[in-house]
Amino acid sequence: MKIIFAMMIILLSGCINFNVGINLPKFRYIVHPLSCNERKVINIWIDIQLKDIEIRQAISEWNYALNGFIELQEVAEPFEMEDAQIGQIRGSNWAILKIDGVLSPNILGRVDIIGGNYIYLEKGRISRERMKGVVMHEIGHLLGARHSGELLMSWRFREQFAQCIDEEVVEQVAKNNGLDWRSMNYCYYLTEG
């Protein structure tokens, strides 16, 4: 919780220059005033086998980009993928589930459908360094974004461009949720020089 709070303080302080790891491009966020409108809350159940802090960081990053219009909120109760629990996840509720060895060998994660309710992660194939980017990409799908471009929503996962939520995906998500993308926060990558 302290890490998430510290991250939000840093992010809310303005255009921050990020350098996430060696050989990854730097990026900045375009920051807009926080929306005080009524927000839609999406409850997220996370499989008890997925304890990765990077999943929570991906949710926090999306909350920052959504800028108060939609809030992604992790449900605190343990979620053990029992049929009764999974069956309750409908409407404005999501689940992030661990499945290993089920998807094609080159697939790291997927959703049930664009705008759906479930993220399935092949955790055994996803390194700690890639987890946040994979989860941000899949959350983009649940929010209505399709594969496009070469950044976060590229059909081919590219770690160097899955570090933040870019303008193109924010535009797609805003359009699919009836929001004004110009009031949301999004990143752009810095060029060297």
N, C-alpha and C. Protein backbone atom coordinates (compact mmCIF):
# COMPACT_ATOMS: atom_id res chain seq x y z
N MET A 1 0.82 -1.19 0.00
CA MET A 1 0.00 0.00 0.00
C MET A 1 0.87 1.26 0.00
N LYS A 2 1.99 1.23 0.76
CA LYS A 2 2.88 2.38 0.82
C LYS A 2 3.48 2.66 -0.55
N ILE A 3 3.83 1.59 -1.29
CA ILE A 3 4.40 1.76 -2.63
C ILE A 3 3.40 2.41 -3.56
N ILE A 4 2.16 1.95 -3.52
CA ILE A 4 1.12 2.51 -4.40
C ILE A 4 0.87 3.97 -4.04
N PHE A 5 0.80 4.27 -2.73
CA PHE A 5 0.59 5.65 -2.30
C PHE A 5 1.74 6.54 -2.78
N ALA A 6 2.97 6.07 -2.60
CA ALA A 6 4.13 6.85 -3.04
C ALA A 6 4.11 7.06 -4.54
N MET A 7 3.74 6.02 -5.29
CA MET A 7 3.67 6.14 -6.75
C MET A 7 2.64 7.18 -7.16
N MET A 8 1.48 7.17 -6.50
CA MET A 8 0.43 8.13 -6.83
C MET A 8 0.88 9.56 -6.51
N ILE A 9 1.59 9.77 -5.40
CA ILE A 9 2.09 11.09 -5.05
C ILE A 9 3.03 11.59 -6.14
N ILE A 10 3.94 10.72 -6.56
CA ILE A 10 4.90 11.09 -7.61
C ILE A 10 4.16 11.41 -8.90
N LEU A 11 3.23 10.55 -9.30
CA LEU A 11 2.52 10.75 -10.56
C LEU A 11 1.66 12.01 -10.55
N LEU A 12 1.05 12.31 -9.41
CA LEU A 12 0.16 13.47 -9.34
C LEU A 12 0.92 14.79 -9.27
N SER A 13 2.22 14.73 -9.11
CA SER A 13 2.98 15.97 -8.96
C SER A 13 3.32 16.63 -10.30
N GLY A 14 2.94 16.05 -11.41
CA GLY A 14 3.16 16.70 -12.70
C GLY A 14 3.81 15.78 -13.69
N CYS A 15 4.33 16.34 -14.77
CA CYS A 15 5.00 15.55 -15.81
C CYS A 15 6.30 15.02 -15.24
N ILE A 16 6.35 13.75 -15.03
CA ILE A 16 7.50 13.11 -14.42
C ILE A 16 8.27 12.37 -15.51
N ASN A 17 9.57 12.44 -15.46
CA ASN A 17 10.41 11.71 -16.38
C ASN A 17 10.71 10.35 -15.78
N PHE A 18 10.29 9.28 -16.44
CA PHE A 18 10.49 7.93 -15.95
C PHE A 18 11.61 7.27 -16.74
N ASN A 19 12.40 6.49 -16.08
CA ASN A 19 13.34 5.61 -16.77
C ASN A 19 13.22 4.27 -16.08
N VAL A 20 12.49 3.37 -16.70
CA VAL A 20 12.16 2.10 -16.07
C VAL A 20 13.14 1.04 -16.55
N GLY A 21 14.24 0.86 -15.85
CA GLY A 21 15.18 -0.18 -16.20
C GLY A 21 16.20 0.26 -17.25
N ILE A 22 17.13 -0.61 -17.48
CA ILE A 22 18.20 -0.34 -18.45
C ILE A 22 17.68 -0.58 -19.86
N ASN A 23 18.07 0.28 -20.78
CA ASN A 23 17.74 0.17 -22.20
C ASN A 23 16.24 0.30 -22.51
N LEU A 24 15.47 0.81 -21.61
CA LEU A 24 14.06 1.07 -21.89
C LEU A 24 13.90 2.56 -22.16
N PRO A 25 13.02 2.91 -23.08
CA PRO A 25 12.86 4.33 -23.40
C PRO A 25 12.26 5.11 -22.22
N LYS A 26 12.58 6.38 -22.18
CA LYS A 26 12.02 7.27 -21.16
C LYS A 26 10.68 7.78 -21.67
N PHE A 27 9.80 8.10 -20.74
CA PHE A 27 8.50 8.64 -21.11
C PHE A 27 8.03 9.65 -20.08
N ARG A 28 7.06 10.43 -20.48
CA ARG A 28 6.42 11.40 -19.58
C ARG A 28 4.92 11.27 -19.75
N TYR A 29 4.22 11.69 -18.72
CA TYR A 29 2.76 11.72 -18.78
C TYR A 29 2.27 13.14 -19.01
N ILE A 30 1.25 13.27 -19.84
CA ILE A 30 0.47 14.50 -19.97
C ILE A 30 -0.53 14.43 -18.81
N VAL A 31 -0.55 15.44 -17.97
CA VAL A 31 -1.35 15.41 -16.75
C VAL A 31 -2.49 16.42 -16.84
N HIS A 32 -3.69 15.97 -16.52
CA HIS A 32 -4.88 16.83 -16.49
C HIS A 32 -5.45 16.86 -15.07
N PRO A 33 -6.22 17.88 -14.74
CA PRO A 33 -6.83 17.92 -13.40
C PRO A 33 -7.71 16.69 -13.18
N LEU A 34 -7.70 16.19 -11.97
CA LEU A 34 -8.48 15.03 -11.59
C LEU A 34 -9.97 15.31 -11.78
N SER A 35 -10.67 14.36 -12.39
CA SER A 35 -12.11 14.51 -12.61
C SER A 35 -12.86 14.37 -11.29
N CYS A 36 -13.80 15.26 -11.07
CA CYS A 36 -14.64 15.19 -9.87
C CYS A 36 -16.04 14.69 -10.23
N ASN A 37 -16.21 14.22 -11.46
CA ASN A 37 -17.50 13.68 -11.90
C ASN A 37 -17.76 12.36 -11.18
N GLU A 38 -19.01 11.91 -11.27
CA GLU A 38 -19.34 10.61 -10.73
C GLU A 38 -18.53 9.56 -11.48
N ARG A 39 -17.93 8.66 -10.76
CA ARG A 39 -17.08 7.67 -11.41
C ARG A 39 -17.72 6.30 -11.41
N LYS A 40 -17.36 5.54 -12.43
CA LYS A 40 -17.76 4.15 -12.52
C LYS A 40 -16.69 3.34 -11.80
N VAL A 41 -17.10 2.42 -10.93
CA VAL A 41 -16.15 1.57 -10.21
C VAL A 41 -16.22 0.17 -10.78
N ILE A 42 -15.06 -0.38 -11.10
CA ILE A 42 -14.96 -1.76 -11.57
C ILE A 42 -14.20 -2.54 -10.51
N ASN A 43 -14.87 -3.51 -9.89
CA ASN A 43 -14.24 -4.36 -8.88
C ASN A 43 -13.44 -5.45 -9.58
N ILE A 44 -12.23 -5.69 -9.09
CA ILE A 44 -11.35 -6.70 -9.69
C ILE A 44 -10.96 -7.74 -8.64
N TRP A 45 -11.30 -8.99 -8.93
CA TRP A 45 -10.86 -10.10 -8.12
C TRP A 45 -9.58 -10.63 -8.75
N ILE A 46 -8.55 -10.83 -7.92
CA ILE A 46 -7.27 -11.33 -8.41
C ILE A 46 -7.02 -12.71 -7.80
N ASP A 47 -6.76 -13.66 -8.67
CA ASP A 47 -6.48 -15.04 -8.25
C ASP A 47 -5.45 -15.04 -7.12
N ILE A 48 -5.73 -15.79 -6.07
CA ILE A 48 -4.87 -15.82 -4.89
C ILE A 48 -3.45 -16.28 -5.24
N GLN A 49 -3.29 -17.00 -6.36
CA GLN A 49 -1.97 -17.46 -6.80
C GLN A 49 -1.15 -16.35 -7.47
N LEU A 50 -1.77 -15.21 -7.72
CA LEU A 50 -1.09 -14.09 -8.37
C LEU A 50 -0.80 -13.01 -7.34
N LYS A 51 0.35 -13.08 -6.72
CA LYS A 51 0.70 -12.12 -5.67
C LYS A 51 1.63 -11.03 -6.17
N ASP A 52 1.81 -10.94 -7.47
CA ASP A 52 2.78 -10.02 -8.06
C ASP A 52 2.40 -8.56 -7.81
N ILE A 53 3.31 -7.78 -7.26
CA ILE A 53 3.09 -6.35 -7.04
C ILE A 53 2.89 -5.65 -8.38
N GLU A 54 3.47 -6.19 -9.45
CA GLU A 54 3.34 -5.59 -10.78
C GLU A 54 1.90 -5.56 -11.27
N ILE A 55 1.09 -6.50 -10.83
CA ILE A 55 -0.33 -6.49 -11.20
C ILE A 55 -1.00 -5.28 -10.55
N ARG A 56 -0.70 -5.05 -9.29
CA ARG A 56 -1.26 -3.89 -8.59
C ARG A 56 -0.73 -2.59 -9.19
N GLN A 57 0.53 -2.58 -9.63
CA GLN A 57 1.09 -1.40 -10.27
C GLN A 57 0.39 -1.11 -11.59
N ALA A 58 0.05 -2.15 -12.34
CA ALA A 58 -0.68 -1.97 -13.60
C ALA A 58 -2.06 -1.37 -13.35
N ILE A 59 -2.73 -1.85 -12.31
CA ILE A 59 -4.05 -1.30 -11.95
C ILE A 59 -3.90 0.17 -11.55
N SER A 60 -2.88 0.50 -10.74
CA SER A 60 -2.65 1.89 -10.33
C SER A 60 -2.35 2.78 -11.53
N GLU A 61 -1.57 2.27 -12.47
CA GLU A 61 -1.23 3.05 -13.67
C GLU A 61 -2.49 3.35 -14.48
N TRP A 62 -3.36 2.35 -14.61
CA TRP A 62 -4.62 2.58 -15.33
C TRP A 62 -5.50 3.58 -14.57
N ASN A 63 -5.55 3.48 -13.24
CA ASN A 63 -6.35 4.45 -12.48
C ASN A 63 -5.83 5.86 -12.71
N TYR A 64 -4.52 6.00 -12.80
CA TYR A 64 -3.95 7.31 -13.07
C TYR A 64 -4.36 7.81 -14.46
N ALA A 65 -4.27 6.94 -15.46
CA ALA A 65 -4.66 7.32 -16.83
C ALA A 65 -6.15 7.64 -16.91
N LEU A 66 -6.98 6.86 -16.22
CA LEU A 66 -8.43 7.06 -16.27
C LEU A 66 -8.86 8.33 -15.54
N ASN A 67 -8.00 8.86 -14.71
CA ASN A 67 -8.14 10.19 -14.12
C ASN A 67 -9.45 10.44 -13.38
N GLY A 68 -9.95 9.41 -12.70
CA GLY A 68 -11.15 9.60 -11.89
C GLY A 68 -12.46 9.30 -12.60
N PHE A 69 -12.43 9.09 -13.90
CA PHE A 69 -13.67 8.78 -14.63
C PHE A 69 -14.12 7.35 -14.37
N ILE A 70 -13.15 6.44 -14.31
CA ILE A 70 -13.38 5.03 -13.97
C ILE A 70 -12.35 4.68 -12.91
N GLU A 71 -12.77 3.94 -11.91
CA GLU A 71 -11.84 3.49 -10.87
C GLU A 71 -11.79 1.97 -10.87
N LEU A 72 -10.59 1.42 -11.01
CA LEU A 72 -10.37 -0.01 -10.91
C LEU A 72 -10.02 -0.30 -9.46
N GLN A 73 -10.79 -1.18 -8.83
CA GLN A 73 -10.63 -1.38 -7.39
C GLN A 73 -10.47 -2.87 -7.09
N GLU A 74 -9.32 -3.23 -6.53
CA GLU A 74 -9.09 -4.63 -6.17
C GLU A 74 -9.98 -5.02 -4.99
N VAL A 75 -10.62 -6.19 -5.10
CA VAL A 75 -11.43 -6.72 -4.01
C VAL A 75 -10.49 -7.41 -3.04
N ALA A 76 -10.62 -7.10 -1.77
CA ALA A 76 -9.68 -7.57 -0.76
C ALA A 76 -9.86 -9.05 -0.41
N GLU A 77 -11.05 -9.59 -0.57
CA GLU A 77 -11.27 -10.97 -0.14
C GLU A 77 -10.49 -11.95 -1.02
N PRO A 78 -10.01 -13.05 -0.43
CA PRO A 78 -9.25 -14.03 -1.20
C PRO A 78 -10.10 -14.63 -2.33
N PHE A 79 -9.49 -14.78 -3.47
CA PHE A 79 -10.18 -15.31 -4.64
C PHE A 79 -9.43 -16.55 -5.11
N GLU A 80 -10.07 -17.73 -4.95
CA GLU A 80 -9.40 -18.99 -5.21
C GLU A 80 -9.90 -19.69 -6.46
N MET A 81 -10.52 -18.98 -7.37
CA MET A 81 -10.98 -19.51 -8.65
C MET A 81 -12.00 -20.64 -8.50
N GLU A 82 -12.79 -20.59 -7.47
CA GLU A 82 -13.86 -21.59 -7.33
C GLU A 82 -14.98 -21.21 -8.28
N ASP A 83 -15.68 -22.22 -8.82
CA ASP A 83 -16.73 -21.98 -9.80
C ASP A 83 -17.78 -20.99 -9.31
N ALA A 84 -18.16 -21.09 -8.03
CA ALA A 84 -19.18 -20.18 -7.48
C ALA A 84 -18.68 -18.74 -7.50
N GLN A 85 -17.40 -18.53 -7.17
CA GLN A 85 -16.83 -17.18 -7.18
C GLN A 85 -16.73 -16.65 -8.61
N ILE A 86 -16.24 -17.46 -9.52
CA ILE A 86 -16.09 -17.04 -10.91
C ILE A 86 -17.43 -16.68 -11.51
N GLY A 87 -18.47 -17.44 -11.19
CA GLY A 87 -19.81 -17.20 -11.73
C GLY A 87 -20.42 -15.88 -11.30
N GLN A 88 -19.95 -15.30 -10.20
CA GLN A 88 -20.49 -14.03 -9.70
C GLN A 88 -19.90 -12.82 -10.43
N ILE A 89 -18.88 -13.04 -11.22
CA ILE A 89 -18.19 -11.93 -11.86
C ILE A 89 -18.87 -11.62 -13.19
N ARG A 90 -19.74 -10.62 -13.14
CA ARG A 90 -20.49 -10.19 -14.31
C ARG A 90 -20.62 -8.67 -14.25
N GLY A 91 -21.14 -8.09 -15.30
CA GLY A 91 -21.38 -6.66 -15.32
C GLY A 91 -20.09 -5.88 -15.17
N SER A 92 -20.05 -5.00 -14.18
CA SER A 92 -18.86 -4.15 -13.95
C SER A 92 -17.89 -4.79 -12.99
N ASN A 93 -17.67 -6.07 -13.11
CA ASN A 93 -16.71 -6.78 -12.27
C ASN A 93 -15.75 -7.55 -13.18
N TRP A 94 -14.50 -7.64 -12.75
CA TRP A 94 -13.48 -8.35 -13.52
C TRP A 94 -12.77 -9.36 -12.62
N ALA A 95 -12.09 -10.31 -13.27
CA ALA A 95 -11.21 -11.24 -12.56
C ALA A 95 -9.91 -11.38 -13.34
N ILE A 96 -8.81 -11.48 -12.61
CA ILE A 96 -7.51 -11.77 -13.21
C ILE A 96 -7.14 -13.16 -12.72
N LEU A 97 -7.03 -14.09 -13.65
CA LEU A 97 -6.87 -15.50 -13.32
C LEU A 97 -5.55 -16.06 -13.81
N LYS A 98 -4.98 -16.96 -13.03
CA LYS A 98 -3.74 -17.65 -13.41
C LYS A 98 -4.12 -18.94 -14.12
N ILE A 99 -3.61 -19.10 -15.34
CA ILE A 99 -3.74 -20.37 -16.05
C ILE A 99 -2.37 -20.65 -16.65
N ASP A 100 -1.87 -21.81 -16.45
CA ASP A 100 -0.56 -22.14 -17.01
C ASP A 100 -0.69 -23.34 -17.93
N GLY A 101 -0.03 -23.23 -19.10
CA GLY A 101 -0.01 -24.33 -20.05
C GLY A 101 -1.29 -24.50 -20.84
N VAL A 102 -2.15 -23.50 -20.86
CA VAL A 102 -3.43 -23.61 -21.55
C VAL A 102 -3.40 -22.90 -22.90
N LEU A 103 -2.77 -21.72 -22.94
CA LEU A 103 -2.74 -20.92 -24.17
C LEU A 103 -1.61 -21.37 -25.09
N SER A 104 -1.68 -20.97 -26.35
CA SER A 104 -0.62 -21.26 -27.31
C SER A 104 0.73 -20.83 -26.73
N PRO A 105 1.83 -21.50 -27.12
CA PRO A 105 3.14 -21.23 -26.52
C PRO A 105 3.63 -19.79 -26.59
N ASN A 106 3.23 -19.02 -27.57
CA ASN A 106 3.73 -17.65 -27.70
C ASN A 106 2.81 -16.61 -27.06
N ILE A 107 1.76 -17.03 -26.39
CA ILE A 107 0.80 -16.09 -25.80
C ILE A 107 1.04 -15.99 -24.29
N LEU A 108 1.13 -14.74 -23.81
CA LEU A 108 1.39 -14.48 -22.40
C LEU A 108 0.10 -14.28 -21.61
N GLY A 109 -0.90 -13.70 -22.24
CA GLY A 109 -2.17 -13.43 -21.59
C GLY A 109 -3.24 -13.19 -22.62
N ARG A 110 -4.48 -13.22 -22.17
CA ARG A 110 -5.60 -12.93 -23.07
C ARG A 110 -6.82 -12.55 -22.24
N VAL A 111 -7.83 -12.05 -22.91
CA VAL A 111 -9.10 -11.74 -22.25
C VAL A 111 -10.18 -12.62 -22.84
N ASP A 112 -11.32 -12.70 -22.14
CA ASP A 112 -12.41 -13.51 -22.69
C ASP A 112 -12.93 -12.89 -23.98
N ILE A 113 -13.21 -11.59 -23.97
CA ILE A 113 -13.59 -10.83 -25.17
C ILE A 113 -13.21 -9.36 -24.92
N ILE A 114 -13.08 -8.59 -26.00
CA ILE A 114 -12.84 -7.15 -25.85
C ILE A 114 -14.03 -6.58 -25.09
N GLY A 115 -13.77 -5.84 -24.03
CA GLY A 115 -14.85 -5.30 -23.20
C GLY A 115 -15.43 -6.33 -22.25
N GLY A 116 -14.74 -7.45 -22.08
CA GLY A 116 -15.26 -8.55 -21.25
C GLY A 116 -14.96 -8.39 -19.77
N ASN A 117 -14.81 -9.54 -19.10
CA ASN A 117 -14.68 -9.56 -17.64
C ASN A 117 -13.47 -10.32 -17.12
N TYR A 118 -12.75 -11.05 -17.98
CA TYR A 118 -11.70 -11.92 -17.48
C TYR A 118 -10.37 -11.70 -18.19
N ILE A 119 -9.30 -11.67 -17.39
CA ILE A 119 -7.93 -11.70 -17.90
C ILE A 119 -7.35 -13.04 -17.48
N TYR A 120 -6.77 -13.74 -18.45
CA TYR A 120 -6.10 -15.01 -18.19
C TYR A 120 -4.61 -14.81 -18.41
N LEU A 121 -3.79 -15.16 -17.41
CA LEU A 121 -2.35 -14.96 -17.51
C LEU A 121 -1.62 -16.29 -17.45
N GLU A 122 -0.71 -16.49 -18.38
CA GLU A 122 0.20 -17.63 -18.38
C GLU A 122 1.39 -17.23 -17.51
N LYS A 123 1.18 -17.23 -16.21
CA LYS A 123 2.17 -16.70 -15.27
C LYS A 123 3.54 -17.34 -15.43
N GLY A 124 3.61 -18.60 -15.73
CA GLY A 124 4.88 -19.28 -15.88
C GLY A 124 5.72 -18.75 -17.03
N ARG A 125 5.10 -18.05 -17.97
CA ARG A 125 5.82 -17.49 -19.12
C ARG A 125 6.14 -16.01 -18.97
N ILE A 126 5.63 -15.37 -17.93
CA ILE A 126 5.77 -13.92 -17.79
C ILE A 126 6.78 -13.60 -16.71
N SER A 127 7.88 -12.97 -17.10
CA SER A 127 8.88 -12.57 -16.12
C SER A 127 8.33 -11.41 -15.28
N ARG A 128 8.93 -11.22 -14.13
CA ARG A 128 8.52 -10.13 -13.25
C ARG A 128 8.61 -8.78 -13.98
N GLU A 129 9.65 -8.60 -14.81
CA GLU A 129 9.85 -7.34 -15.52
C GLU A 129 8.77 -7.09 -16.57
N ARG A 130 8.15 -8.13 -17.07
CA ARG A 130 7.15 -7.98 -18.13
C ARG A 130 5.71 -7.96 -17.60
N MET A 131 5.51 -8.41 -16.35
CA MET A 131 4.14 -8.60 -15.82
C MET A 131 3.31 -7.32 -15.89
N LYS A 132 3.86 -6.19 -15.45
CA LYS A 132 3.09 -4.95 -15.44
C LYS A 132 2.61 -4.59 -16.85
N GLY A 133 3.50 -4.67 -17.84
CA GLY A 133 3.13 -4.34 -19.21
C GLY A 133 2.08 -5.27 -19.78
N VAL A 134 2.22 -6.57 -19.50
CA VAL A 134 1.23 -7.55 -19.99
C VAL A 134 -0.13 -7.25 -19.38
N VAL A 135 -0.18 -7.00 -18.07
CA VAL A 135 -1.47 -6.73 -17.41
C VAL A 135 -2.06 -5.41 -17.89
N MET A 136 -1.23 -4.37 -18.08
CA MET A 136 -1.76 -3.10 -18.61
C MET A 136 -2.37 -3.32 -19.99
N HIS A 137 -1.71 -4.11 -20.84
CA HIS A 137 -2.22 -4.42 -22.18
C HIS A 137 -3.59 -5.12 -22.08
N GLU A 138 -3.68 -6.14 -21.23
CA GLU A 138 -4.94 -6.89 -21.11
C GLU A 138 -6.04 -6.04 -20.48
N ILE A 139 -5.72 -5.18 -19.52
CA ILE A 139 -6.73 -4.26 -18.98
C ILE A 139 -7.23 -3.35 -20.09
N GLY A 140 -6.34 -2.91 -20.98
CA GLY A 140 -6.77 -2.12 -22.13
C GLY A 140 -7.85 -2.82 -22.92
N HIS A 141 -7.70 -4.14 -23.13
CA HIS A 141 -8.73 -4.90 -23.84
C HIS A 141 -10.05 -4.91 -23.06
N LEU A 142 -10.00 -5.13 -21.74
CA LEU A 142 -11.24 -5.14 -20.96
C LEU A 142 -11.94 -3.79 -20.99
N LEU A 143 -11.16 -2.72 -21.15
CA LEU A 143 -11.74 -1.37 -21.24
C LEU A 143 -12.19 -1.05 -22.67
N GLY A 144 -12.03 -1.99 -23.60
CA GLY A 144 -12.55 -1.82 -24.95
C GLY A 144 -11.53 -1.56 -26.04
N ALA A 145 -10.25 -1.50 -25.71
CA ALA A 145 -9.22 -1.22 -26.72
C ALA A 145 -8.87 -2.50 -27.50
N ARG A 146 -8.61 -2.30 -28.78
CA ARG A 146 -8.19 -3.39 -29.66
C ARG A 146 -6.71 -3.25 -29.96
N HIS A 147 -6.14 -4.27 -30.57
CA HIS A 147 -4.73 -4.17 -30.99
C HIS A 147 -4.59 -3.06 -32.02
N SER A 148 -3.57 -2.24 -31.83
CA SER A 148 -3.30 -1.16 -32.78
C SER A 148 -1.91 -0.60 -32.53
N GLY A 149 -1.31 -0.06 -33.55
CA GLY A 149 -0.04 0.64 -33.42
C GLY A 149 1.10 -0.24 -32.96
N GLU A 150 2.13 0.41 -32.44
CA GLU A 150 3.35 -0.27 -32.01
C GLU A 150 3.62 -0.11 -30.52
N LEU A 151 2.70 0.52 -29.78
CA LEU A 151 2.95 0.79 -28.37
C LEU A 151 2.23 -0.23 -27.49
N LEU A 152 1.56 0.21 -26.43
CA LEU A 152 0.97 -0.71 -25.46
C LEU A 152 0.02 -1.72 -26.09
N MET A 153 -0.79 -1.32 -27.04
CA MET A 153 -1.80 -2.22 -27.59
C MET A 153 -1.34 -2.92 -28.87
N SER A 154 -0.05 -2.96 -29.12
CA SER A 154 0.47 -3.71 -30.27
C SER A 154 0.06 -5.17 -30.14
N TRP A 155 -0.21 -5.81 -31.26
CA TRP A 155 -0.60 -7.24 -31.23
C TRP A 155 0.56 -8.10 -30.74
N ARG A 156 1.78 -7.60 -30.87
CA ARG A 156 2.98 -8.32 -30.44
C ARG A 156 3.55 -7.59 -29.23
N PHE A 157 3.67 -8.27 -28.10
CA PHE A 157 4.17 -7.63 -26.89
C PHE A 157 5.60 -7.16 -27.09
N ARG A 158 5.82 -5.89 -26.84
CA ARG A 158 7.15 -5.29 -26.94
C ARG A 158 7.40 -4.55 -25.63
N GLU A 159 8.20 -5.15 -24.79
CA GLU A 159 8.42 -4.63 -23.45
C GLU A 159 8.80 -3.16 -23.43
N GLN A 160 9.62 -2.73 -24.38
CA GLN A 160 10.08 -1.34 -24.38
C GLN A 160 8.95 -0.34 -24.60
N PHE A 161 7.84 -0.78 -25.20
CA PHE A 161 6.71 0.13 -25.43
C PHE A 161 5.47 -0.28 -24.65
N ALA A 162 5.67 -1.04 -23.58
CA ALA A 162 4.56 -1.43 -22.71
C ALA A 162 4.83 -0.94 -21.30
N GLN A 163 5.46 0.23 -21.20
CA GLN A 163 5.85 0.78 -19.91
C GLN A 163 4.84 1.78 -19.36
N CYS A 164 3.96 2.28 -20.22
CA CYS A 164 3.00 3.29 -19.78
C CYS A 164 1.79 3.26 -20.72
N ILE A 165 0.79 4.04 -20.40
CA ILE A 165 -0.48 4.05 -21.14
C ILE A 165 -0.46 5.25 -22.08
N ASP A 166 -0.37 4.96 -23.37
CA ASP A 166 -0.15 5.99 -24.38
C ASP A 166 -1.46 6.61 -24.88
N GLU A 167 -1.31 7.69 -25.63
CA GLU A 167 -2.45 8.47 -26.13
C GLU A 167 -3.39 7.63 -26.99
N GLU A 168 -2.84 6.77 -27.84
CA GLU A 168 -3.68 5.98 -28.74
C GLU A 168 -4.63 5.06 -27.98
N VAL A 169 -4.13 4.38 -26.95
CA VAL A 169 -4.99 3.49 -26.18
C VAL A 169 -5.98 4.30 -25.34
N VAL A 170 -5.57 5.44 -24.82
CA VAL A 170 -6.49 6.29 -24.05
C VAL A 170 -7.64 6.76 -24.94
N GLU A 171 -7.34 7.13 -26.18
CA GLU A 171 -8.41 7.53 -27.11
C GLU A 171 -9.39 6.39 -27.35
N GLN A 172 -8.88 5.18 -27.55
CA GLN A 172 -9.77 4.03 -27.77
C GLN A 172 -10.65 3.76 -26.55
N VAL A 173 -10.03 3.76 -25.37
CA VAL A 173 -10.77 3.48 -24.14
C VAL A 173 -11.83 4.56 -23.89
N ALA A 174 -11.46 5.82 -24.11
CA ALA A 174 -12.41 6.92 -23.93
C ALA A 174 -13.59 6.76 -24.87
N LYS A 175 -13.33 6.48 -26.12
CA LYS A 175 -14.40 6.32 -27.11
C LYS A 175 -15.34 5.18 -26.72
N ASN A 176 -14.78 4.07 -26.28
CA ASN A 176 -15.59 2.91 -25.91
C ASN A 176 -16.36 3.07 -24.61
N ASN A 177 -15.97 4.06 -23.80
CA ASN A 177 -16.63 4.28 -22.51
C ASN A 177 -17.33 5.62 -22.42
N GLY A 178 -17.45 6.33 -23.55
CA GLY A 178 -18.15 7.61 -23.57
C GLY A 178 -17.46 8.70 -22.76
N LEU A 179 -16.12 8.71 -22.78
CA LEU A 179 -15.35 9.69 -22.02
C LEU A 179 -14.62 10.64 -22.96
N ASP A 180 -14.20 11.77 -22.44
CA ASP A 180 -13.40 12.73 -23.20
C ASP A 180 -11.93 12.41 -22.97
N TRP A 181 -11.26 11.88 -23.98
CA TRP A 181 -9.86 11.47 -23.83
C TRP A 181 -8.95 12.65 -23.50
N ARG A 182 -9.36 13.85 -23.85
CA ARG A 182 -8.52 15.02 -23.58
C ARG A 182 -8.49 15.38 -22.10
N SER A 183 -9.34 14.74 -21.30
CA SER A 183 -9.33 14.97 -19.85
C SER A 183 -8.65 13.82 -19.11
N MET A 184 -8.13 12.86 -19.86
CA MET A 184 -7.46 11.71 -19.27
C MET A 184 -5.94 11.90 -19.35
N ASN A 185 -5.21 11.14 -18.57
CA ASN A 185 -3.75 11.22 -18.56
C ASN A 185 -3.17 10.14 -19.46
N TYR A 186 -2.14 10.47 -20.21
CA TYR A 186 -1.50 9.50 -21.08
C TYR A 186 -0.03 9.86 -21.24
N CYS A 187 0.74 8.88 -21.67
CA CYS A 187 2.18 9.08 -21.77
C CYS A 187 2.60 9.29 -23.22
N TYR A 188 3.79 9.82 -23.36
CA TYR A 188 4.46 9.84 -24.65
C TYR A 188 5.93 9.52 -24.39
N TYR A 189 6.53 8.84 -25.35
CA TYR A 189 7.93 8.45 -25.22
C TYR A 189 8.83 9.57 -25.68
N LEU A 190 9.93 9.75 -24.99
CA LEU A 190 10.89 10.80 -25.33
C LEU A 190 11.88 10.26 -26.35
N THR A 191 12.26 11.10 -27.28
CA THR A 191 13.27 10.71 -28.26
C THR A 191 14.63 11.18 -27.76
N GLU A 192 15.63 10.44 -28.09
CA GLU A 192 17.00 10.80 -27.69
C GLU A 192 17.44 12.04 -28.46
N GLY A 193 18.21 12.89 -27.82
CA GLY A 193 18.79 14.02 -28.53
C GLY A 193 18.46 15.32 -28.03
